[in-house]
């Protein structure tokens, strides 16, 4: 799956990722119940990202390929994503 920085920006906005200032990457944390649950980041830029980068980003989100495609296509909500993480014991 080919990703662009704009795809990942939309994911960050939908998940309400709290970003941290960084010069080379867009970094942030998924916050659930006031706690930092999951660190996420991607490179600044406008170009498409290689398949391996998309794969590593997907793995950092703890999603399988189908779930990740739903996330990028914006058919998965933040609440559904948190429920997936809770099922995988990533969030209490």
C-alpha atoms as a PDB file:
ATOM      1  CA  UNK A   1       0.000   0.000   0.000  1.00  0.00           C
ATOM      2  CA  UNK A   2       1.397   3.363  -1.028  1.00  0.00           C
ATOM      3  CA  UNK A   3       1.001   6.197   1.468  1.00  0.00           C
ATOM      4  CA  UNK A   4       1.503   9.914   1.213  1.00  0.00           C
ATOM      5  CA  UNK A   5       2.208  12.393   3.975  1.00  0.00           C
ATOM      6  CA  UNK A   6      -1.297  13.812   3.486  1.00  0.00           C
ATOM      7  CA  UNK A   7      -2.789  10.340   4.190  1.00  0.00           C
ATOM      8  CA  UNK A   8      -0.897  10.182   7.460  1.00  0.00           C
ATOM      9  CA  UNK A   9      -1.838  13.770   8.349  1.00  0.00           C
ATOM     10  CA  UNK A  10      -5.490  12.781   8.029  1.00  0.00           C
ATOM     11  CA  UNK A  11      -4.908   9.737  10.256  1.00  0.00           C
ATOM     12  CA  UNK A  12      -3.221  11.965  12.861  1.00  0.00           C
ATOM     13  CA  UNK A  13      -6.137  14.412  12.752  1.00  0.00           C
ATOM     14  CA  UNK A  14      -8.779  11.691  12.989  1.00  0.00           C
ATOM     15  CA  UNK A  15      -7.045  10.031  15.943  1.00  0.00           C
ATOM     16  CA  UNK A  16      -6.405  13.424  17.583  1.00  0.00           C
ATOM     17  CA  UNK A  17      -2.711  12.652  18.008  1.00  0.00           C
ATOM     18  CA  UNK A  18      -1.038  15.172  20.315  1.00  0.00           C
ATOM     19  CA  UNK A  19       1.985  16.270  18.337  1.00  0.00           C
ATOM     20  CA  UNK A  20       5.423  17.075  19.715  1.00  0.00           C
ATOM     21  CA  UNK A  21       7.737  19.580  18.038  1.00  0.00           C
ATOM     22  CA  UNK A  22      10.354  17.909  15.878  1.00  0.00           C
ATOM     23  CA  UNK A  23      12.292  19.212  12.865  1.00  0.00           C
ATOM     24  CA  UNK A  24      12.597  16.064  10.778  1.00  0.00           C
ATOM     25  CA  UNK A  25       9.438  14.129  11.617  1.00  0.00           C
ATOM     26  CA  UNK A  26       5.841  14.662  12.567  1.00  0.00           C
ATOM     27  CA  UNK A  27       5.755  13.046  16.004  1.00  0.00           C
ATOM     28  CA  UNK A  28       3.025  12.559  18.508  1.00  0.00           C
ATOM     29  CA  UNK A  29       1.222  10.339  20.956  1.00  0.00           C
ATOM     30  CA  UNK A  30      -2.210   8.780  21.010  1.00  0.00           C
ATOM     31  CA  UNK A  31      -3.768   9.874  24.285  1.00  0.00           C
ATOM     32  CA  UNK A  32      -6.466   7.743  25.922  1.00  0.00           C
ATOM     33  CA  UNK A  33      -7.945   8.774  29.265  1.00  0.00           C
ATOM     34  CA  UNK A  34      -5.178  11.364  29.691  1.00  0.00           C
ATOM     35  CA  UNK A  35      -2.364   8.833  29.248  1.00  0.00           C
ATOM     36  CA  UNK A  36       0.165   8.495  26.450  1.00  0.00           C
ATOM     37  CA  UNK A  37      -0.628   5.157  24.892  1.00  0.00           C
ATOM     38  CA  UNK A  38       1.103   4.933  21.560  1.00  0.00           C
ATOM     39  CA  UNK A  39       3.961   6.949  20.029  1.00  0.00           C
ATOM     40  CA  UNK A  40       3.633   7.556  16.287  1.00  0.00           C
ATOM     41  CA  UNK A  41       5.748   9.433  13.764  1.00  0.00           C
ATOM     42  CA  UNK A  42       6.335   9.898  10.042  1.00  0.00           C
ATOM     43  CA  UNK A  43       8.723  11.947   7.924  1.00  0.00           C
ATOM     44  CA  UNK A  44       7.965  15.502   6.895  1.00  0.00           C
ATOM     45  CA  UNK A  45       7.471  15.954   3.194  1.00  0.00           C
ATOM     46  CA  UNK A  46       4.971  15.749   0.418  1.00  0.00           C
ATOM     47  CA  UNK A  47       6.125  12.720  -1.503  1.00  0.00           C
ATOM     48  CA  UNK A  48       4.812   9.183  -1.388  1.00  0.00           C
ATOM     49  CA  UNK A  49       6.345   6.795   1.095  1.00  0.00           C
ATOM     50  CA  UNK A  50       7.869   3.463   0.169  1.00  0.00           C
ATOM     51  CA  UNK A  51       5.988   0.260   0.917  1.00  0.00           C
ATOM     52  CA  UNK A  52       8.348  -0.649   3.758  1.00  0.00           C
ATOM     53  CA  UNK A  53       7.656   2.696   5.472  1.00  0.00           C
ATOM     54  CA  UNK A  54       3.908   2.111   5.229  1.00  0.00           C
ATOM     55  CA  UNK A  55       4.413  -1.402   6.604  1.00  0.00           C
ATOM     56  CA  UNK A  56       6.441  -0.133   9.572  1.00  0.00           C
ATOM     57  CA  UNK A  57       3.893   2.626  10.290  1.00  0.00           C
ATOM     58  CA  UNK A  58       1.091   0.031  10.188  1.00  0.00           C
ATOM     59  CA  UNK A  59       2.982  -2.209  12.602  1.00  0.00           C
ATOM     60  CA  UNK A  60       3.628   0.712  14.965  1.00  0.00           C
ATOM     61  CA  UNK A  61      -0.153   1.241  15.082  1.00  0.00           C
ATOM     62  CA  UNK A  62      -0.640  -2.478  15.922  1.00  0.00           C
ATOM     63  CA  UNK A  63      -3.060  -3.008  13.029  1.00  0.00           C
ATOM     64  CA  UNK A  64      -3.308  -5.746  10.430  1.00  0.00           C
ATOM     65  CA  UNK A  65      -3.391  -4.854   6.733  1.00  0.00           C
ATOM     66  CA  UNK A  66      -7.194  -4.716   6.459  1.00  0.00           C
ATOM     67  CA  UNK A  67      -7.601  -2.608   9.594  1.00  0.00           C
ATOM     68  CA  UNK A  68      -4.888  -0.231   8.418  1.00  0.00           C
ATOM     69  CA  UNK A  69      -6.542   0.190   5.020  1.00  0.00           C
ATOM     70  CA  UNK A  70      -9.816   1.011   6.804  1.00  0.00           C
ATOM     71  CA  UNK A  71      -7.961   3.590   8.894  1.00  0.00           C
ATOM     72  CA  UNK A  72      -6.381   5.278   5.865  1.00  0.00           C
ATOM     73  CA  UNK A  73      -9.661   5.246   3.914  1.00  0.00           C
ATOM     74  CA  UNK A  74     -11.287   6.917   6.944  1.00  0.00           C
ATOM     75  CA  UNK A  75     -13.866   4.188   7.511  1.00  0.00           C
ATOM     76  CA  UNK A  76     -12.533   3.451  11.013  1.00  0.00           C
ATOM     77  CA  UNK A  77     -13.252   5.897  13.820  1.00  0.00           C
ATOM     78  CA  UNK A  78     -10.998   6.811  16.721  1.00  0.00           C
ATOM     79  CA  UNK A  79     -13.264   4.887  19.089  1.00  0.00           C
ATOM     80  CA  UNK A  80     -13.068   1.746  16.941  1.00  0.00           C
ATOM     81  CA  UNK A  81      -9.270   2.035  16.893  1.00  0.00           C
ATOM     82  CA  UNK A  82      -9.101   2.381  20.689  1.00  0.00           C
ATOM     83  CA  UNK A  83     -11.341  -0.713  20.993  1.00  0.00           C
ATOM     84  CA  UNK A  84      -8.900  -2.665  18.783  1.00  0.00           C
ATOM     85  CA  UNK A  85      -6.012  -1.569  21.001  1.00  0.00           C
ATOM     86  CA  UNK A  86      -7.962  -2.570  24.111  1.00  0.00           C
ATOM     87  CA  UNK A  87      -8.632  -6.002  22.622  1.00  0.00           C
ATOM     88  CA  UNK A  88      -4.895  -6.376  22.000  1.00  0.00           C
ATOM     89  CA  UNK A  89      -4.202  -5.253  25.594  1.00  0.00           C
ATOM     90  CA  UNK A  90      -2.380  -2.114  24.408  1.00  0.00           C
ATOM     91  CA  UNK A  91      -4.813   0.118  26.342  1.00  0.00           C
ATOM     92  CA  UNK A  92      -6.456  -0.552  29.664  1.00  0.00           C
END
